């Protein structure tokens, strides 16, 4: 009957020693934990609103360019209608509605 491996030292390891050796092996195999990234600075409501409007204007310009590049055969398609609807949006009205400032923090 096989008896397992021969002890490395004079006597067999105790349960606690085997467990400590196993945990050390497992810790060596694990990649190091990623460093925490610093949280970005909090932006004011006004700044987030303006950034969102800038993004909307950018997407609107991309849709207008896409609409202009559509071949004549696709001018009456659902895609062309959707692009035209986005290009026709009046973002000046949205820009005129500014969020309120709150409690002196903005």
PDB file of N, CA and C in Angstrom:
ATOM      1  N   UNK A   1       0.855  -1.170   0.000  1.00  0.00           N
ATOM      2  CA  UNK A   1       0.000   0.000   0.000  1.00  0.00           C
ATOM      3  C   UNK A   1       0.899   1.230   0.000  1.00  0.00           C
ATOM      4  N   UNK A   2       0.621   2.194  -0.937  1.00  0.00           N
ATOM      5  CA  UNK A   2       1.480   3.376  -1.003  1.00  0.00           C
ATOM      6  C   UNK A   2       1.287   4.250   0.227  1.00  0.00           C
ATOM      7  N   UNK A   3       2.335   4.818   0.709  1.00  0.00           N
ATOM      8  CA  UNK A   3       2.277   5.631   1.908  1.00  0.00           C
ATOM      9  C   UNK A   3       2.432   7.118   1.647  1.00  0.00           C
ATOM     10  N   UNK A   4       2.464   7.541   0.407  1.00  0.00           N
ATOM     11  CA  UNK A   4       2.618   8.956   0.106  1.00  0.00           C
ATOM     12  C   UNK A   4       4.074   9.321  -0.042  1.00  0.00           C
ATOM     13  N   UNK A   5       4.358  10.585  -0.071  1.00  0.00           N
ATOM     14  CA  UNK A   5       5.733  11.040  -0.251  1.00  0.00           C
ATOM     15  C   UNK A   5       6.512  10.884   1.041  1.00  0.00           C
ATOM     16  N   UNK A   6       7.776  10.799   0.860  1.00  0.00           N
ATOM     17  CA  UNK A   6       8.669  10.747   2.010  1.00  0.00           C
ATOM     18  C   UNK A   6       8.776  12.149   2.605  1.00  0.00           C
ATOM     19  N   UNK A   7       8.831  12.298   3.907  1.00  0.00           N
ATOM     20  CA  UNK A   7       8.988  13.615   4.534  1.00  0.00           C
ATOM     21  C   UNK A   7      10.307  14.245   4.098  1.00  0.00           C
ATOM     22  N   UNK A   8      10.276  15.575   3.910  1.00  0.00           N
ATOM     23  CA  UNK A   8      11.479  16.283   3.514  1.00  0.00           C
ATOM     24  C   UNK A   8      12.454  16.418   4.678  1.00  0.00           C
ATOM     25  N   UNK A   9      11.913  16.546   5.862  1.00  0.00           N
ATOM     26  CA  UNK A   9      12.761  16.701   7.036  1.00  0.00           C
ATOM     27  C   UNK A   9      12.793  15.391   7.824  1.00  0.00           C
ATOM     28  N   UNK A  10      13.002  15.526   9.122  1.00  0.00           N
ATOM     29  CA  UNK A  10      13.071  14.345   9.970  1.00  0.00           C
ATOM     30  C   UNK A  10      11.683  13.767  10.228  1.00  0.00           C
ATOM     31  N   UNK A  11      10.664  14.636  10.285  1.00  0.00           N
ATOM     32  CA  UNK A  11       9.318  14.164  10.577  1.00  0.00           C
ATOM     33  C   UNK A  11       8.347  14.778   9.563  1.00  0.00           C
ATOM     34  N   UNK A  12       7.168  14.210   9.460  1.00  0.00           N
ATOM     35  CA  UNK A  12       6.144  14.726   8.563  1.00  0.00           C
ATOM     36  C   UNK A  12       5.646  16.085   9.069  1.00  0.00           C
ATOM     37  N   UNK A  13       5.129  16.887   8.143  1.00  0.00           N
ATOM     38  CA  UNK A  13       4.611  18.205   8.509  1.00  0.00           C
ATOM     39  C   UNK A  13       3.298  18.053   9.267  1.00  0.00           C
ATOM     40  N   UNK A  14       3.066  18.980  10.156  1.00  0.00           N
ATOM     41  CA  UNK A  14       1.775  18.988  10.839  1.00  0.00           C
ATOM     42  C   UNK A  14       0.724  19.589   9.891  1.00  0.00           C
ATOM     43  N   UNK A  15      -0.549  19.464  10.253  1.00  0.00           N
ATOM     44  CA  UNK A  15      -1.623  20.037   9.437  1.00  0.00           C
ATOM     45  C   UNK A  15      -1.441  21.541   9.254  1.00  0.00           C
ATOM     46  N   UNK A  16      -1.081  22.253  10.316  1.00  0.00           N
ATOM     47  CA  UNK A  16      -0.905  23.700  10.246  1.00  0.00           C
ATOM     48  C   UNK A  16       0.256  24.062   9.319  1.00  0.00           C
ATOM     49  N   UNK A  17       1.327  23.270   9.356  1.00  0.00           N
ATOM     50  CA  UNK A  17       2.478  23.549   8.489  1.00  0.00           C
ATOM     51  C   UNK A  17       2.124  23.285   7.018  1.00  0.00           C
ATOM     52  N   UNK A  18       1.392  22.190   6.768  1.00  0.00           N
ATOM     53  CA  UNK A  18       0.959  21.907   5.395  1.00  0.00           C
ATOM     54  C   UNK A  18       0.052  23.013   4.880  1.00  0.00           C
ATOM     55  N   UNK A  19      -0.886  23.472   5.719  1.00  0.00           N
ATOM     56  CA  UNK A  19      -1.810  24.531   5.307  1.00  0.00           C
ATOM     57  C   UNK A  19      -1.044  25.835   5.023  1.00  0.00           C
ATOM     58  N   UNK A  20      -0.089  26.184   5.859  1.00  0.00           N
ATOM     59  CA  UNK A  20       0.702  27.401   5.654  1.00  0.00           C
ATOM     60  C   UNK A  20       1.505  27.305   4.356  1.00  0.00           C
ATOM     61  N   UNK A  21       2.064  26.123   4.075  1.00  0.00           N
ATOM     62  CA  UNK A  21       2.825  25.940   2.847  1.00  0.00           C
ATOM     63  C   UNK A  21       1.899  26.056   1.629  1.00  0.00           C
ATOM     64  N   UNK A  22       0.706  25.473   1.708  1.00  0.00           N
ATOM     65  CA  UNK A  22      -0.258  25.547   0.613  1.00  0.00           C
ATOM     66  C   UNK A  22      -0.698  26.992   0.367  1.00  0.00           C
ATOM     67  N   UNK A  23      -0.997  27.725   1.427  1.00  0.00           N
ATOM     68  CA  UNK A  23      -1.399  29.128   1.283  1.00  0.00           C
ATOM     69  C   UNK A  23      -0.295  29.970   0.677  1.00  0.00           C
ATOM     70  N   UNK A  24       0.954  29.710   1.040  1.00  0.00           N
ATOM     71  CA  UNK A  24       2.082  30.453   0.466  1.00  0.00           C
ATOM     72  C   UNK A  24       2.191  30.168  -1.029  1.00  0.00           C
ATOM     73  N   UNK A  25       1.996  28.880  -1.418  1.00  0.00           N
ATOM     74  CA  UNK A  25       2.038  28.538  -2.841  1.00  0.00           C
ATOM     75  C   UNK A  25       0.911  29.228  -3.605  1.00  0.00           C
ATOM     76  N   UNK A  26      -0.286  29.240  -3.032  1.00  0.00           N
ATOM     77  CA  UNK A  26      -1.428  29.876  -3.686  1.00  0.00           C
ATOM     78  C   UNK A  26      -1.235  31.385  -3.811  1.00  0.00           C
ATOM     79  N   UNK A  27      -0.678  32.015  -2.787  1.00  0.00           N
ATOM     80  CA  UNK A  27      -0.437  33.459  -2.831  1.00  0.00           C
ATOM     81  C   UNK A  27       0.597  33.802  -3.901  1.00  0.00           C
ATOM     82  N   UNK A  28       1.571  32.911  -4.110  1.00  0.00           N
ATOM     83  CA  UNK A  28       2.586  33.157  -5.122  1.00  0.00           C
ATOM     84  C   UNK A  28       1.993  33.051  -6.531  1.00  0.00           C
ATOM     85  N   UNK A  29       0.954  32.233  -6.698  1.00  0.00           N
ATOM     86  CA  UNK A  29       0.323  32.057  -8.006  1.00  0.00           C
ATOM     87  C   UNK A  29      -0.626  33.196  -8.359  1.00  0.00           C
ATOM     88  N   UNK A  30      -1.164  33.881  -7.364  1.00  0.00           N
ATOM     89  CA  UNK A  30      -2.135  34.944  -7.595  1.00  0.00           C
ATOM     90  C   UNK A  30      -1.432  36.183  -8.133  1.00  0.00           C
ATOM     91  N   UNK A  31      -2.019  36.830  -9.152  1.00  0.00           N
ATOM     92  CA  UNK A  31      -1.435  38.098  -9.603  1.00  0.00           C
ATOM     93  C   UNK A  31      -1.648  39.159  -8.521  1.00  0.00           C
ATOM     94  N   UNK A  32      -0.777  40.140  -8.478  1.00  0.00           N
ATOM     95  CA  UNK A  32      -0.948  41.176  -7.446  1.00  0.00           C
ATOM     96  C   UNK A  32      -2.251  41.943  -7.664  1.00  0.00           C
ATOM     97  N   UNK A  33      -2.846  42.362  -6.588  1.00  0.00           N
ATOM     98  CA  UNK A  33      -4.098  43.119  -6.669  1.00  0.00           C
ATOM     99  C   UNK A  33      -3.846  44.445  -7.378  1.00  0.00           C
ATOM    100  N   UNK A  34      -4.761  44.840  -8.262  1.00  0.00           N
ATOM    101  CA  UNK A  34      -4.546  46.110  -8.969  1.00  0.00           C
ATOM    102  C   UNK A  34      -4.615  47.291  -8.000  1.00  0.00           C
ATOM    103  N   UNK A  35      -3.806  48.282  -8.294  1.00  0.00           N
ATOM    104  CA  UNK A  35      -3.798  49.474  -7.449  1.00  0.00           C
ATOM    105  C   UNK A  35      -5.092  50.248  -7.676  1.00  0.00           C
ATOM    106  N   UNK A  36      -5.606  50.835  -6.634  1.00  0.00           N
ATOM    107  CA  UNK A  36      -6.829  51.618  -6.765  1.00  0.00           C
ATOM    108  C   UNK A  36      -6.538  52.895  -7.531  1.00  0.00           C
ATOM    109  N   UNK A  37      -7.435  53.178  -8.479  1.00  0.00           N
ATOM    110  CA  UNK A  37      -7.292  54.401  -9.248  1.00  0.00           C
ATOM    111  C   UNK A  37      -7.946  55.540  -8.477  1.00  0.00           C
ATOM    112  N   UNK A  38      -7.343  56.703  -8.527  1.00  0.00           N
ATOM    113  CA  UNK A  38      -7.954  57.827  -7.826  1.00  0.00           C
ATOM    114  C   UNK A  38      -9.283  58.195  -8.474  1.00  0.00           C
ATOM    115  N   UNK A  39     -10.226  58.592  -7.662  1.00  0.00           N
ATOM    116  CA  UNK A  39     -11.529  59.002  -8.180  1.00  0.00           C
ATOM    117  C   UNK A  39     -11.387  60.341  -8.888  1.00  0.00           C
ATOM    118  N   UNK A  40     -12.081  60.480  -9.995  1.00  0.00           N
ATOM    119  CA  UNK A  40     -12.006  61.769 -10.690  1.00  0.00           C
ATOM    120  C   UNK A  40     -12.658  62.864  -9.851  1.00  0.00           C
ATOM    121  N   UNK A  41     -12.200  64.068 -10.063  1.00  0.00           N
ATOM    122  CA  UNK A  41     -12.764  65.199  -9.326  1.00  0.00           C
ATOM    123  C   UNK A  41     -14.231  65.360  -9.694  1.00  0.00           C
ATOM    124  N   UNK A  42     -15.020  65.726  -8.738  1.00  0.00           N
ATOM    125  CA  UNK A  42     -16.447  65.897  -8.979  1.00  0.00           C
ATOM    126  C   UNK A  42     -16.676  67.151  -9.817  1.00  0.00           C
ATOM    127  N   UNK A  43     -17.499  66.975 -10.843  1.00  0.00           N
ATOM    128  CA  UNK A  43     -17.801  68.100 -11.719  1.00  0.00           C
ATOM    129  C   UNK A  43     -19.143  68.691 -11.317  1.00  0.00           C
ATOM    130  N   UNK A  44     -19.272  69.968 -11.480  1.00  0.00           N
ATOM    131  CA  UNK A  44     -20.519  70.639 -11.120  1.00  0.00           C
ATOM    132  C   UNK A  44     -21.619  70.248 -12.108  1.00  0.00           C
ATOM    133  N   UNK A  45     -22.840  70.468 -11.709  1.00  0.00           N
ATOM    134  CA  UNK A  45     -23.998  70.182 -12.550  1.00  0.00           C
ATOM    135  C   UNK A  45     -23.914  70.988 -13.846  1.00  0.00           C
ATOM    136  N   UNK A  46     -23.526  72.237 -13.719  1.00  0.00           N
ATOM    137  CA  UNK A  46     -23.388  73.108 -14.887  1.00  0.00           C
ATOM    138  C   UNK A  46     -22.346  72.552 -15.864  1.00  0.00           C
ATOM    139  N   UNK A  47     -21.220  72.102 -15.337  1.00  0.00           N
ATOM    140  CA  UNK A  47     -20.151  71.560 -16.183  1.00  0.00           C
ATOM    141  C   UNK A  47     -20.619  70.283 -16.885  1.00  0.00           C
ATOM    142  N   UNK A  48     -21.302  69.394 -16.153  1.00  0.00           N
ATOM    143  CA  UNK A  48     -21.811  68.163 -16.760  1.00  0.00           C
ATOM    144  C   UNK A  48     -22.833  68.477 -17.845  1.00  0.00           C
ATOM    145  N   UNK A  49     -23.698  69.489 -17.611  1.00  0.00           N
ATOM    146  CA  UNK A  49     -24.707  69.899 -18.593  1.00  0.00           C
ATOM    147  C   UNK A  49     -24.024  70.380 -19.871  1.00  0.00           C
ATOM    148  N   UNK A  50     -23.024  71.227 -19.708  1.00  0.00           N
ATOM    149  CA  UNK A  50     -22.310  71.765 -20.869  1.00  0.00           C
ATOM    150  C   UNK A  50     -21.557  70.673 -21.622  1.00  0.00           C
ATOM    151  N   UNK A  51     -20.975  69.724 -20.891  1.00  0.00           N
ATOM    152  CA  UNK A  51     -20.290  68.605 -21.539  1.00  0.00           C
ATOM    153  C   UNK A  51     -21.277  67.744 -22.323  1.00  0.00           C
ATOM    154  N   UNK A  52     -22.456  67.518 -21.762  1.00  0.00           N
ATOM    155  CA  UNK A  52     -23.482  66.732 -22.454  1.00  0.00           C
ATOM    156  C   UNK A  52     -23.948  67.442 -23.722  1.00  0.00           C
ATOM    157  N   UNK A  53     -24.124  68.743 -23.647  1.00  0.00           N
ATOM    158  CA  UNK A  53     -24.516  69.504 -24.841  1.00  0.00           C
ATOM    159  C   UNK A  53     -23.436  69.441 -25.922  1.00  0.00           C
ATOM    160  N   UNK A  54     -22.191  69.508 -25.518  1.00  0.00           N
ATOM    161  CA  UNK A  54     -21.097  69.411 -26.484  1.00  0.00           C
ATOM    162  C   UNK A  54     -21.097  68.040 -27.150  1.00  0.00           C
ATOM    163  N   UNK A  55     -21.375  67.011 -26.378  1.00  0.00           N
ATOM    164  CA  UNK A  55     -21.442  65.662 -26.942  1.00  0.00           C
ATOM    165  C   UNK A  55     -22.626  65.534 -27.898  1.00  0.00           C
ATOM    166  N   UNK A  56     -23.764  66.117 -27.542  1.00  0.00           N
ATOM    167  CA  UNK A  56     -24.929  66.098 -28.433  1.00  0.00           C
ATOM    168  C   UNK A  56     -24.635  66.803 -29.744  1.00  0.00           C
ATOM    169  N   UNK A  57     -23.970  67.938 -29.659  1.00  0.00           N
ATOM    170  CA  UNK A  57     -23.632  68.674 -30.881  1.00  0.00           C
ATOM    171  C   UNK A  57     -22.660  67.859 -31.752  1.00  0.00           C
ATOM    172  N   UNK A  58     -21.743  67.160 -31.117  1.00  0.00           N
ATOM    173  CA  UNK A  58     -20.793  66.327 -31.854  1.00  0.00           C
ATOM    174  C   UNK A  58     -21.517  65.192 -32.581  1.00  0.00           C
ATOM    175  N   UNK A  59     -22.425  64.526 -31.882  1.00  0.00           N
ATOM    176  CA  UNK A  59     -23.182  63.432 -32.503  1.00  0.00           C
ATOM    177  C   UNK A  59     -24.073  63.970 -33.614  1.00  0.00           C
ATOM    178  N   UNK A  60     -24.657  65.139 -33.401  1.00  0.00           N
ATOM    179  CA  UNK A  60     -25.514  65.739 -34.426  1.00  0.00           C
ATOM    180  C   UNK A  60     -24.691  66.041 -35.697  1.00  0.00           C
ATOM    181  N   UNK A  61     -23.483  66.543 -35.513  1.00  0.00           N
ATOM    182  CA  UNK A  61     -22.625  66.828 -36.666  1.00  0.00           C
ATOM    183  C   UNK A  61     -22.238  65.533 -37.389  1.00  0.00           C
ATOM    184  N   UNK A  62     -21.960  64.464 -36.636  1.00  0.00           N
ATOM    185  CA  UNK A  62     -21.634  63.178 -37.258  1.00  0.00           C
ATOM    186  C   UNK A  62     -22.817  62.647 -38.057  1.00  0.00           C
ATOM    187  N   UNK A  63     -24.025  62.777 -37.506  1.00  0.00           N
ATOM    188  CA  UNK A  63     -25.217  62.302 -38.207  1.00  0.00           C
ATOM    189  C   UNK A  63     -25.468  63.123 -39.470  1.00  0.00           C
ATOM    190  N   UNK A  64     -25.230  64.418 -39.407  1.00  0.00           N
ATOM    191  CA  UNK A  64     -25.404  65.256 -40.595  1.00  0.00           C
ATOM    192  C   UNK A  64     -24.398  64.868 -41.677  1.00  0.00           C
ATOM    193  N   UNK A  65     -23.160  64.571 -41.267  1.00  0.00           N
ATOM    194  CA  UNK A  65     -22.151  64.149 -42.240  1.00  0.00           C
ATOM    195  C   UNK A  65     -22.520  62.795 -42.845  1.00  0.00           C
ATOM    196  N   UNK A  66     -23.034  61.900 -42.011  1.00  0.00           N
ATOM    197  CA  UNK A  66     -23.450  60.578 -42.483  1.00  0.00           C
ATOM    198  C   UNK A  66     -24.609  60.723 -43.473  1.00  0.00           C
ATOM    199  N   UNK A  67     -25.551  61.601 -43.142  1.00  0.00           N
ATOM    200  CA  UNK A  67     -26.692  61.840 -44.029  1.00  0.00           C
ATOM    201  C   UNK A  67     -26.225  62.394 -45.373  1.00  0.00           C
ATOM    202  N   UNK A  68     -25.270  63.281 -45.345  1.00  0.00           N
ATOM    203  CA  UNK A  68     -24.747  63.852 -46.579  1.00  0.00           C
ATOM    204  C   UNK A  68     -23.999  62.840 -47.429  1.00  0.00           C
ATOM    205  N   UNK A  69     -23.443  61.803 -46.790  1.00  0.00           N
ATOM    206  CA  UNK A  69     -22.666  60.802 -47.516  1.00  0.00           C
ATOM    207  C   UNK A  69     -23.520  59.627 -47.990  1.00  0.00           C
ATOM    208  N   UNK A  70     -24.803  59.602 -47.628  1.00  0.00           N
ATOM    209  CA  UNK A  70     -25.658  58.491 -48.053  1.00  0.00           C
ATOM    210  C   UNK A  70     -25.834  58.499 -49.566  1.00  0.00           C
ATOM    211  N   UNK A  71     -25.803  57.326 -50.176  1.00  0.00           N
ATOM    212  CA  UNK A  71     -26.062  57.277 -51.623  1.00  0.00           C
ATOM    213  C   UNK A  71     -27.526  57.603 -51.909  1.00  0.00           C
ATOM    214  N   UNK A  72     -27.773  57.995 -53.126  1.00  0.00           N
ATOM    215  CA  UNK A  72     -29.124  58.418 -53.527  1.00  0.00           C
ATOM    216  C   UNK A  72     -30.141  57.302 -53.317  1.00  0.00           C
ATOM    217  N   UNK A  73     -29.727  56.062 -53.469  1.00  0.00           N
ATOM    218  CA  UNK A  73     -30.664  54.943 -53.331  1.00  0.00           C
ATOM    219  C   UNK A  73     -31.164  54.770 -51.899  1.00  0.00           C
ATOM    220  N   UNK A  74     -30.458  55.317 -50.921  1.00  0.00           N
ATOM    221  CA  UNK A  74     -30.862  55.175 -49.517  1.00  0.00           C
ATOM    222  C   UNK A  74     -31.496  56.440 -48.952  1.00  0.00           C
ATOM    223  N   UNK A  75     -31.739  57.444 -49.768  1.00  0.00           N
ATOM    224  CA  UNK A  75     -32.285  58.717 -49.282  1.00  0.00           C
ATOM    225  C   UNK A  75     -33.697  58.570 -48.706  1.00  0.00           C
ATOM    226  N   UNK A  76     -34.451  57.557 -49.135  1.00  0.00           N
ATOM    227  CA  UNK A  76     -35.818  57.363 -48.645  1.00  0.00           C
ATOM    228  C   UNK A  76     -35.917  56.233 -47.630  1.00  0.00           C
ATOM    229  N   UNK A  77     -34.801  55.805 -47.061  1.00  0.00           N
ATOM    230  CA  UNK A  77     -34.813  54.682 -46.116  1.00  0.00           C
ATOM    231  C   UNK A  77     -35.091  55.168 -44.697  1.00  0.00           C
ATOM    232  N   UNK A  78     -35.305  54.212 -43.812  1.00  0.00           N
ATOM    233  CA  UNK A  78     -35.544  54.529 -42.399  1.00  0.00           C
ATOM    234  C   UNK A  78     -34.295  55.136 -41.771  1.00  0.00           C
ATOM    235  N   UNK A  79     -33.144  54.707 -42.213  1.00  0.00           N
ATOM    236  CA  UNK A  79     -31.888  55.264 -41.691  1.00  0.00           C
ATOM    237  C   UNK A  79     -31.789  56.741 -42.034  1.00  0.00           C
ATOM    238  N   UNK A  80     -32.121  57.089 -43.262  1.00  0.00           N
ATOM    239  CA  UNK A  80     -32.055  58.491 -43.678  1.00  0.00           C
ATOM    240  C   UNK A  80     -33.047  59.339 -42.887  1.00  0.00           C
ATOM    241  N   UNK A  81     -34.236  58.779 -42.622  1.00  0.00           N
ATOM    242  CA  UNK A  81     -35.228  59.518 -41.836  1.00  0.00           C
ATOM    243  C   UNK A  81     -34.731  59.761 -40.420  1.00  0.00           C
ATOM    244  N   UNK A  82     -34.120  58.748 -39.827  1.00  0.00           N
ATOM    245  CA  UNK A  82     -33.597  58.893 -38.465  1.00  0.00           C
ATOM    246  C   UNK A  82     -32.458  59.909 -38.425  1.00  0.00           C
ATOM    247  N   UNK A  83     -31.576  59.850 -39.402  1.00  0.00           N
ATOM    248  CA  UNK A  83     -30.465  60.806 -39.453  1.00  0.00           C
ATOM    249  C   UNK A  83     -30.985  62.231 -39.658  1.00  0.00           C
ATOM    250  N   UNK A  84     -32.008  62.378 -40.480  1.00  0.00           N
ATOM    251  CA  UNK A  84     -32.587  63.696 -40.719  1.00  0.00           C
ATOM    252  C   UNK A  84     -33.231  64.236 -39.440  1.00  0.00           C
ATOM    253  N   UNK A  85     -33.895  63.353 -38.677  1.00  0.00           N
ATOM    254  CA  UNK A  85     -34.530  63.772 -37.427  1.00  0.00           C
ATOM    255  C   UNK A  85     -33.488  64.263 -36.420  1.00  0.00           C
ATOM    256  N   UNK A  86     -32.355  63.579 -36.346  1.00  0.00           N
ATOM    257  CA  UNK A  86     -31.293  64.000 -35.426  1.00  0.00           C
ATOM    258  C   UNK A  86     -30.678  65.309 -35.906  1.00  0.00           C
ATOM    259  N   UNK A  87     -30.479  65.441 -37.208  1.00  0.00           N
ATOM    260  CA  UNK A  87     -29.875  66.657 -37.752  1.00  0.00           C
ATOM    261  C   UNK A  87     -30.791  67.865 -37.578  1.00  0.00           C
ATOM    262  N   UNK A  88     -32.113  67.631 -37.557  1.00  0.00           N
ATOM    263  CA  UNK A  88     -33.069  68.730 -37.438  1.00  0.00           C
ATOM    264  C   UNK A  88     -33.332  69.166 -35.997  1.00  0.00           C
ATOM    265  N   UNK A  89     -32.811  68.439 -35.014  1.00  0.00           N
ATOM    266  CA  UNK A  89     -33.043  68.821 -33.619  1.00  0.00           C
ATOM    267  C   UNK A  89     -32.487  70.210 -33.341  1.00  0.00           C
ATOM    268  N   UNK A  90     -33.255  71.002 -32.613  1.00  0.00           N
ATOM    269  CA  UNK A  90     -32.813  72.352 -32.265  1.00  0.00           C
ATOM    270  C   UNK A  90     -32.177  72.315 -30.877  1.00  0.00           C
ATOM    271  N   UNK A  91     -30.881  72.211 -30.831  1.00  0.00           N
ATOM    272  CA  UNK A  91     -30.169  72.115 -29.557  1.00  0.00           C
ATOM    273  C   UNK A  91     -30.027  73.473 -28.877  1.00  0.00           C
ATOM    274  N   UNK A  92     -30.326  74.544 -29.585  1.00  0.00           N
ATOM    275  CA  UNK A  92     -30.261  75.869 -28.966  1.00  0.00           C
ATOM    276  C   UNK A  92     -31.315  76.009 -27.867  1.00  0.00           C
ATOM    277  N   UNK A  93     -32.481  75.405 -28.067  1.00  0.00           N
ATOM    278  CA  UNK A  93     -33.522  75.449 -27.031  1.00  0.00           C
ATOM    279  C   UNK A  93     -33.070  74.699 -25.781  1.00  0.00           C
ATOM    280  N   UNK A  94     -32.426  73.572 -25.988  1.00  0.00           N
ATOM    281  CA  UNK A  94     -31.938  72.793 -24.848  1.00  0.00           C
ATOM    282  C   UNK A  94     -30.834  73.559 -24.130  1.00  0.00           C
ATOM    283  N   UNK A  95     -29.972  74.201 -24.890  1.00  0.00           N
ATOM    284  CA  UNK A  95     -28.871  74.949 -24.290  1.00  0.00           C
ATOM    285  C   UNK A  95     -29.378  76.138 -23.483  1.00  0.00           C
ATOM    286  N   UNK A  96     -30.506  76.718 -23.915  1.00  0.00           N
ATOM    287  CA  UNK A  96     -31.062  77.865 -23.205  1.00  0.00           C
ATOM    288  C   UNK A  96     -31.568  77.479 -21.824  1.00  0.00           C
ATOM    289  N   UNK A  97     -31.990  76.236 -21.660  1.00  0.00           N
ATOM    290  CA  UNK A  97     -32.488  75.769 -20.359  1.00  0.00           C
ATOM    291  C   UNK A  97     -31.299  75.284 -19.539  1.00  0.00           C
ATOM    292  N   UNK A  98     -30.803  76.104 -18.664  1.00  0.00           N
ATOM    293  CA  UNK A  98     -29.662  75.759 -17.825  1.00  0.00           C
ATOM    294  C   UNK A  98     -30.157  75.220 -16.483  1.00  0.00           C
ATOM    295  N   UNK A  99     -29.465  74.232 -15.912  1.00  0.00           N
ATOM    296  CA  UNK A  99     -29.881  73.712 -14.602  1.00  0.00           C
ATOM    297  C   UNK A  99     -29.656  74.761 -13.513  1.00  0.00           C
ATOM    298  N   UNK A 100     -30.444  74.690 -12.451  1.00  0.00           N
ATOM    299  CA  UNK A 100     -30.274  75.686 -11.381  1.00  0.00           C
ATOM    300  C   UNK A 100     -29.000  75.437 -10.587  1.00  0.00           C
ATOM    301  N   UNK A 101     -28.499  76.484 -10.019  1.00  0.00           N
ATOM    302  CA  UNK A 101     -27.350  76.356  -9.137  1.00  0.00           C
ATOM    303  C   UNK A 101     -27.846  75.951  -7.772  1.00  0.00           C
ATOM    304  N   UNK A 102     -27.081  75.151  -7.068  1.00  0.00           N
ATOM    305  CA  UNK A 102     -27.589  74.603  -5.820  1.00  0.00           C
ATOM    306  C   UNK A 102     -26.770  74.957  -4.603  1.00  0.00           C
ATOM    307  N   UNK A 103     -27.345  75.626  -3.682  1.00  0.00           N
ATOM    308  CA  UNK A 103     -26.798  75.862  -2.334  1.00  0.00           C
ATOM    309  C   UNK A 103     -25.387  76.429  -2.341  1.00  0.00           C
ATOM    310  N   UNK A 104     -25.060  77.237  -3.319  1.00  0.00           N
ATOM    311  CA  UNK A 104     -23.768  77.887  -3.335  1.00  0.00           C
ATOM    312  C   UNK A 104     -22.609  76.994  -3.709  1.00  0.00           C
ATOM    313  N   UNK A 105     -22.879  75.748  -4.133  1.00  0.00           N
ATOM    314  CA  UNK A 105     -21.794  74.837  -4.473  1.00  0.00           C
ATOM    315  C   UNK A 105     -21.394  74.962  -5.931  1.00  0.00           C
ATOM    316  N   UNK A 106     -22.215  75.565  -6.751  1.00  0.00           N
ATOM    317  CA  UNK A 106     -21.917  75.652  -8.182  1.00  0.00           C
ATOM    318  C   UNK A 106     -21.313  76.980  -8.531  1.00  0.00           C
TER     319      UNK A 106
END
